Each structure stands twice: as C-alpha cells, then as structure tokens.
Amino acid sequence: MKDGTKRLRELMEEYGFPLEAIEDILYRLGWHFLSGGQSTDDYVWIQVRYFENLVKFGKIARKEKVK
C-alpha cells in the first residue's frame, strides 16, 4: 500500500494550508504513530482526504512559485 505521509508532504509543498490545519493533522498523526500506526494505514489516508477536500472545494490556494 502507498505511503500517505508522502502524499501529505506533496500537498503541503504545493498548497498554502493554514497553520491550524497542519497542526491538527500533525497532532492526529503523532498519536497515531505513537500508538503503533503505520504510514500506510487507512487513518493516514483519511487525513490526506481532508487536505484534498480543502483543495477540491476551493478552500486552499496553490502556492505561488518563486521566480
């Protein structure tokens, strides 16, 4: 199965998520990993879908590229 944390990193590099959303995901994943969870678990992909939905519904803008 794919690694959900890689997809989260891709999304955070491409889009300007608010700090509150990033902190929330990091908090949730921190506890998930401390309890023995893996980066390929469904729970990680639920967090990915949360970020993807913010993008999908136009709540988050793409970062501007630095020239």
PDB file of N, CA and C in Angstrom:
ATOM      1  N   MET A   1       0.841  -1.184   0.000  1.00  0.00           N
ATOM      2  CA  MET A   1       0.000   0.000   0.000  1.00  0.00           C
ATOM      3  C   MET A   1       0.891   1.255   0.000  1.00  0.00           C
ATOM      4  N   LYS A   2       0.360   2.331  -0.537  1.00  0.00           N
ATOM      5  CA  LYS A   2       1.109   3.580  -0.632  1.00  0.00           C
ATOM      6  C   LYS A   2       1.281   4.256   0.714  1.00  0.00           C
ATOM      7  N   ASP A   3       2.299   5.093   0.786  1.00  0.00           N
ATOM      8  CA  ASP A   3       2.624   5.849   1.990  1.00  0.00           C
ATOM      9  C   ASP A   3       1.855   7.170   1.986  1.00  0.00           C
ATOM     10  N   GLY A   4       0.927   7.341   2.929  1.00  0.00           N
ATOM     11  CA  GLY A   4       0.109   8.540   2.991  1.00  0.00           C
ATOM     12  C   GLY A   4       0.872   9.788   3.385  1.00  0.00           C
ATOM     13  N   THR A   5       1.950   9.633   4.149  1.00  0.00           N
ATOM     14  CA  THR A   5       2.701  10.808   4.565  1.00  0.00           C
ATOM     15  C   THR A   5       3.398  11.471   3.384  1.00  0.00           C
ATOM     16  N   LYS A   6       3.759  10.700   2.384  1.00  0.00           N
ATOM     17  CA  LYS A   6       4.371  11.283   1.178  1.00  0.00           C
ATOM     18  C   LYS A   6       3.360  12.164   0.451  1.00  0.00           C
ATOM     19  N   ARG A   7       2.128  11.697   0.368  1.00  0.00           N
ATOM     20  CA  ARG A   7       1.086  12.484  -0.286  1.00  0.00           C
ATOM     21  C   ARG A   7       0.797  13.759   0.502  1.00  0.00           C
ATOM     22  N   LEU A   8       0.795  13.672   1.825  1.00  0.00           N
ATOM     23  CA  LEU A   8       0.594  14.869   2.643  1.00  0.00           C
ATOM     24  C   LEU A   8       1.692  15.888   2.387  1.00  0.00           C
ATOM     25  N   ARG A   9       2.934  15.434   2.309  1.00  0.00           N
ATOM     26  CA  ARG A   9       4.062  16.333   2.031  1.00  0.00           C
ATOM     27  C   ARG A   9       3.899  17.004   0.680  1.00  0.00           C
ATOM     28  N   GLU A  10       3.492  16.238  -0.337  1.00  0.00           N
ATOM     29  CA  GLU A  10       3.280  16.805  -1.670  1.00  0.00           C
ATOM     30  C   GLU A  10       2.232  17.916  -1.623  1.00  0.00           C
ATOM     31  N   LEU A  11       1.138  17.652  -0.938  1.00  0.00           N
ATOM     32  CA  LEU A  11       0.068  18.644  -0.836  1.00  0.00           C
ATOM     33  C   LEU A  11       0.537  19.899  -0.110  1.00  0.00           C
ATOM     34  N   MET A  12       1.296  19.725   0.975  1.00  0.00           N
ATOM     35  CA  MET A  12       1.758  20.878   1.740  1.00  0.00           C
ATOM     36  C   MET A  12       2.794  21.691   0.968  1.00  0.00           C
ATOM     37  N   GLU A  13       3.547  21.051   0.096  1.00  0.00           N
ATOM     38  CA  GLU A  13       4.512  21.776  -0.725  1.00  0.00           C
ATOM     39  C   GLU A  13       3.824  22.576  -1.822  1.00  0.00           C
ATOM     40  N   GLU A  14       2.691  22.080  -2.298  1.00  0.00           N
ATOM     41  CA  GLU A  14       2.007  22.697  -3.429  1.00  0.00           C
ATOM     42  C   GLU A  14       0.966  23.744  -3.027  1.00  0.00           C
ATOM     43  N   TYR A  15       0.343  23.561  -1.854  1.00  0.00           N
ATOM     44  CA  TYR A  15      -0.751  24.442  -1.438  1.00  0.00           C
ATOM     45  C   TYR A  15      -0.444  25.124  -0.112  1.00  0.00           C
ATOM     46  N   GLY A  16      -1.062  26.282   0.098  1.00  0.00           N
ATOM     47  CA  GLY A  16      -0.853  27.069   1.312  1.00  0.00           C
ATOM     48  C   GLY A  16      -1.893  26.774   2.371  1.00  0.00           C
ATOM     49  N   PHE A  17      -1.748  25.654   3.045  1.00  0.00           N
ATOM     50  CA  PHE A  17      -2.687  25.287   4.107  1.00  0.00           C
ATOM     51  C   PHE A  17      -2.472  26.173   5.319  1.00  0.00           C
ATOM     52  N   PRO A  18      -3.551  26.512   6.026  1.00  0.00           N
ATOM     53  CA  PRO A  18      -3.383  27.318   7.235  1.00  0.00           C
ATOM     54  C   PRO A  18      -2.653  26.510   8.315  1.00  0.00           C
ATOM     55  N   LEU A  19      -1.936  27.216   9.144  1.00  0.00           N
ATOM     56  CA  LEU A  19      -1.150  26.574  10.195  1.00  0.00           C
ATOM     57  C   LEU A  19      -2.030  25.696  11.093  1.00  0.00           C
ATOM     58  N   GLU A  20      -3.244  26.140  11.366  1.00  0.00           N
ATOM     59  CA  GLU A  20      -4.149  25.375  12.231  1.00  0.00           C
ATOM     60  C   GLU A  20      -4.443  23.992  11.646  1.00  0.00           C
ATOM     61  N   ALA A  21      -4.630  23.916  10.336  1.00  0.00           N
ATOM     62  CA  ALA A  21      -4.916  22.634   9.690  1.00  0.00           C
ATOM     63  C   ALA A  21      -3.694  21.721   9.744  1.00  0.00           C
ATOM     64  N   ILE A  22      -2.526  22.285   9.508  1.00  0.00           N
ATOM     65  CA  ILE A  22      -1.294  21.493   9.545  1.00  0.00           C
ATOM     66  C   ILE A  22      -1.042  20.986  10.966  1.00  0.00           C
ATOM     67  N   GLU A  23      -1.200  21.857  11.957  1.00  0.00           N
ATOM     68  CA  GLU A  23      -1.003  21.448  13.349  1.00  0.00           C
ATOM     69  C   GLU A  23      -1.969  20.340  13.738  1.00  0.00           C
ATOM     70  N   ASP A  24      -3.223  20.441  13.290  1.00  0.00           N
ATOM     71  CA  ASP A  24      -4.225  19.430  13.605  1.00  0.00           C
ATOM     72  C   ASP A  24      -3.823  18.070  13.038  1.00  0.00           C
ATOM     73  N   ILE A  25      -3.413  18.054  11.787  1.00  0.00           N
ATOM     74  CA  ILE A  25      -3.000  16.801  11.149  1.00  0.00           C
ATOM     75  C   ILE A  25      -1.763  16.226  11.848  1.00  0.00           C
ATOM     76  N   LEU A  26      -0.787  17.076  12.154  1.00  0.00           N
ATOM     77  CA  LEU A  26       0.423  16.594  12.825  1.00  0.00           C
ATOM     78  C   LEU A  26       0.103  16.016  14.202  1.00  0.00           C
ATOM     79  N   TYR A  27      -0.808  16.647  14.914  1.00  0.00           N
ATOM     80  CA  TYR A  27      -1.225  16.148  16.233  1.00  0.00           C
ATOM     81  C   TYR A  27      -1.868  14.767  16.098  1.00  0.00           C
ATOM     82  N   ARG A  28      -2.810  14.653  15.162  1.00  0.00           N
ATOM     83  CA  ARG A  28      -3.509  13.382  14.966  1.00  0.00           C
ATOM     84  C   ARG A  28      -2.541  12.275  14.552  1.00  0.00           C
ATOM     85  N   LEU A  29      -1.674  12.587  13.597  1.00  0.00           N
ATOM     86  CA  LEU A  29      -0.735  11.571  13.108  1.00  0.00           C
ATOM     87  C   LEU A  29       0.312  11.235  14.165  1.00  0.00           C
ATOM     88  N   GLY A  30       0.688  12.223  14.970  1.00  0.00           N
ATOM     89  CA  GLY A  30       1.638  11.946  16.044  1.00  0.00           C
ATOM     90  C   GLY A  30       1.119  10.866  16.980  1.00  0.00           C
ATOM     91  N   TRP A  31      -0.126  11.007  17.408  1.00  0.00           N
ATOM     92  CA  TRP A  31      -0.717   9.993  18.282  1.00  0.00           C
ATOM     93  C   TRP A  31      -0.891   8.668  17.562  1.00  0.00           C
ATOM     94  N   HIS A  32      -1.230   8.742  16.298  1.00  0.00           N
ATOM     95  CA  HIS A  32      -1.391   7.513  15.508  1.00  0.00           C
ATOM     96  C   HIS A  32      -0.084   6.731  15.468  1.00  0.00           C
ATOM     97  N   PHE A  33       1.016   7.419  15.186  1.00  0.00           N
ATOM     98  CA  PHE A  33       2.314   6.740  15.092  1.00  0.00           C
ATOM     99  C   PHE A  33       2.819   6.292  16.468  1.00  0.00           C
ATOM    100  N   LEU A  34       2.560   7.091  17.503  1.00  0.00           N
ATOM    101  CA  LEU A  34       2.964   6.690  18.861  1.00  0.00           C
ATOM    102  C   LEU A  34       2.251   5.423  19.317  1.00  0.00           C
ATOM    103  N   SER A  35       1.035   5.224  18.822  1.00  0.00           N
ATOM    104  CA  SER A  35       0.280   4.029  19.214  1.00  0.00           C
ATOM    105  C   SER A  35       0.581   2.834  18.315  1.00  0.00           C
ATOM    106  N   GLY A  36       1.594   2.963  17.455  1.00  0.00           N
ATOM    107  CA  GLY A  36       1.996   1.824  16.631  1.00  0.00           C
ATOM    108  C   GLY A  36       1.477   1.849  15.212  1.00  0.00           C
ATOM    109  N   GLY A  37       0.816   2.922  14.826  1.00  0.00           N
ATOM    110  CA  GLY A  37       0.285   3.020  13.471  1.00  0.00           C
ATOM    111  C   GLY A  37       1.386   3.152  12.427  1.00  0.00           C
ATOM    112  N   GLN A  38       1.029   2.834  11.207  1.00  0.00           N
ATOM    113  CA  GLN A  38       1.958   2.893  10.085  1.00  0.00           C
ATOM    114  C   GLN A  38       1.518   3.967   9.092  1.00  0.00           C
ATOM    115  N   SER A  39       2.460   4.419   8.256  1.00  0.00           N
ATOM    116  CA  SER A  39       2.154   5.469   7.282  1.00  0.00           C
ATOM    117  C   SER A  39       1.266   4.970   6.147  1.00  0.00           C
ATOM    118  N   THR A  40       1.060   3.673   6.073  1.00  0.00           N
ATOM    119  CA  THR A  40       0.197   3.109   5.031  1.00  0.00           C
ATOM    120  C   THR A  40      -1.213   2.801   5.539  1.00  0.00           C
ATOM    121  N   ASP A  41      -1.483   3.098   6.805  1.00  0.00           N
ATOM    122  CA  ASP A  41      -2.794   2.810   7.396  1.00  0.00           C
ATOM    123  C   ASP A  41      -3.886   3.695   6.813  1.00  0.00           C
ATOM    124  N   ASP A  42      -5.101   3.180   6.856  1.00  0.00           N
ATOM    125  CA  ASP A  42      -6.257   3.938   6.370  1.00  0.00           C
ATOM    126  C   ASP A  42      -6.410   5.270   7.103  1.00  0.00           C
ATOM    127  N   TYR A  43      -6.076   5.313   8.388  1.00  0.00           N
ATOM    128  CA  TYR A  43      -6.225   6.537   9.166  1.00  0.00           C
ATOM    129  C   TYR A  43      -5.403   7.676   8.569  1.00  0.00           C
ATOM    130  N   VAL A  44      -4.216   7.376   8.085  1.00  0.00           N
ATOM    131  CA  VAL A  44      -3.372   8.395   7.456  1.00  0.00           C
ATOM    132  C   VAL A  44      -4.053   8.893   6.183  1.00  0.00           C
ATOM    133  N   TRP A  45      -4.640   7.991   5.425  1.00  0.00           N
ATOM    134  CA  TRP A  45      -5.312   8.380   4.181  1.00  0.00           C
ATOM    135  C   TRP A  45      -6.570   9.199   4.433  1.00  0.00           C
ATOM    136  N   ILE A  46      -7.190   9.026   5.588  1.00  0.00           N
ATOM    137  CA  ILE A  46      -8.321   9.881   5.959  1.00  0.00           C
ATOM    138  C   ILE A  46      -7.838  11.321   6.104  1.00  0.00           C
ATOM    139  N   GLN A  47      -6.666  11.504   6.691  1.00  0.00           N
ATOM    140  CA  GLN A  47      -6.091  12.838   6.843  1.00  0.00           C
ATOM    141  C   GLN A  47      -5.717  13.430   5.482  1.00  0.00           C
ATOM    142  N   VAL A  48      -5.219  12.586   4.594  1.00  0.00           N
ATOM    143  CA  VAL A  48      -4.901  13.031   3.227  1.00  0.00           C
ATOM    144  C   VAL A  48      -6.174  13.518   2.546  1.00  0.00           C
ATOM    145  N   ARG A  49      -7.252  12.756   2.677  1.00  0.00           N
ATOM    146  CA  ARG A  49      -8.515  13.153   2.043  1.00  0.00           C
ATOM    147  C   ARG A  49      -9.024  14.484   2.587  1.00  0.00           C
ATOM    148  N   TYR A  50      -8.799  14.736   3.864  1.00  0.00           N
ATOM    149  CA  TYR A  50      -9.186  16.024   4.449  1.00  0.00           C
ATOM    150  C   TYR A  50      -8.476  17.158   3.709  1.00  0.00           C
ATOM    151  N   PHE A  51      -7.172  17.053   3.522  1.00  0.00           N
ATOM    152  CA  PHE A  51      -6.413  18.075   2.792  1.00  0.00           C
ATOM    153  C   PHE A  51      -6.879  18.157   1.341  1.00  0.00           C
ATOM    154  N   GLU A  52      -7.080  17.005   0.707  1.00  0.00           N
ATOM    155  CA  GLU A  52      -7.524  17.000  -0.694  1.00  0.00           C
ATOM    156  C   GLU A  52      -8.894  17.642  -0.838  1.00  0.00           C
ATOM    157  N   ASN A  53      -9.771  17.441   0.143  1.00  0.00           N
ATOM    158  CA  ASN A  53     -11.092  18.064   0.089  1.00  0.00           C
ATOM    159  C   ASN A  53     -11.015  19.578   0.262  1.00  0.00           C
ATOM    160  N   LEU A  54     -10.097  20.054   1.089  1.00  0.00           N
ATOM    161  CA  LEU A  54      -9.916  21.504   1.209  1.00  0.00           C
ATOM    162  C   LEU A  54      -9.529  22.101  -0.142  1.00  0.00           C
ATOM    163  N   VAL A  55      -8.682  21.387  -0.865  1.00  0.00           N
ATOM    164  CA  VAL A  55      -8.265  21.832  -2.197  1.00  0.00           C
ATOM    165  C   VAL A  55      -9.437  21.721  -3.173  1.00  0.00           C
ATOM    166  N   LYS A  56     -10.087  20.579  -3.171  1.00  0.00           N
ATOM    167  CA  LYS A  56     -11.183  20.298  -4.103  1.00  0.00           C
ATOM    168  C   LYS A  56     -12.308  21.330  -4.018  1.00  0.00           C
ATOM    169  N   PHE A  57     -12.630  21.750  -2.805  1.00  0.00           N
ATOM    170  CA  PHE A  57     -13.742  22.680  -2.619  1.00  0.00           C
ATOM    171  C   PHE A  57     -13.306  24.145  -2.584  1.00  0.00           C
ATOM    172  N   GLY A  58     -12.072  24.398  -3.023  1.00  0.00           N
ATOM    173  CA  GLY A  58     -11.607  25.764  -3.204  1.00  0.00           C
ATOM    174  C   GLY A  58     -11.304  26.526  -1.921  1.00  0.00           C
ATOM    175  N   LYS A  59     -11.055  25.826  -0.846  1.00  0.00           N
ATOM    176  CA  LYS A  59     -10.765  26.491   0.435  1.00  0.00           C
ATOM    177  C   LYS A  59      -9.287  26.849   0.569  1.00  0.00           C
ATOM    178  N   ILE A  60      -8.446  26.241  -0.262  1.00  0.00           N
ATOM    179  CA  ILE A  60      -6.999  26.430  -0.181  1.00  0.00           C
ATOM    180  C   ILE A  60      -6.471  26.822  -1.556  1.00  0.00           C
ATOM    181  N   ALA A  61      -5.578  27.803  -1.578  1.00  0.00           N
ATOM    182  CA  ALA A  61      -4.988  28.257  -2.846  1.00  0.00           C
ATOM    183  C   ALA A  61      -3.628  27.603  -3.068  1.00  0.00           C
ATOM    184  N   ARG A  62      -3.297  27.447  -4.326  1.00  0.00           N
ATOM    185  CA  ARG A  62      -1.979  26.932  -4.711  1.00  0.00           C
ATOM    186  C   ARG A  62      -0.924  27.982  -4.354  1.00  0.00           C
ATOM    187  N   LYS A  63       0.222  27.527  -3.876  1.00  0.00           N
ATOM    188  CA  LYS A  63       1.303  28.456  -3.560  1.00  0.00           C
ATOM    189  C   LYS A  63       1.844  29.063  -4.848  1.00  0.00           C
ATOM    190  N   GLU A  64       2.241  30.311  -4.761  1.00  0.00           N
ATOM    191  CA  GLU A  64       2.856  30.953  -5.919  1.00  0.00           C
ATOM    192  C   GLU A  64       4.313  30.522  -6.011  1.00  0.00           C
ATOM    193  N   LYS A  65       4.748  30.285  -7.228  1.00  0.00           N
ATOM    194  CA  LYS A  65       6.129  29.878  -7.432  1.00  0.00           C
ATOM    195  C   LYS A  65       7.050  31.087  -7.347  1.00  0.00           C
ATOM    196  N   VAL A  66       8.156  30.906  -6.673  1.00  0.00           N
ATOM    197  CA  VAL A  66       9.138  31.964  -6.526  1.00  0.00           C
ATOM    198  C   VAL A  66      10.019  31.966  -7.780  1.00  0.00           C
ATOM    199  N   LYS A  67      10.196  33.151  -8.360  1.00  0.00           N
ATOM    200  CA  LYS A  67      10.986  33.239  -9.588  1.00  0.00           C
ATOM    201  C   LYS A  67      12.436  33.455  -9.287  1.00  0.00           C
TER     202      LYS A  67
END
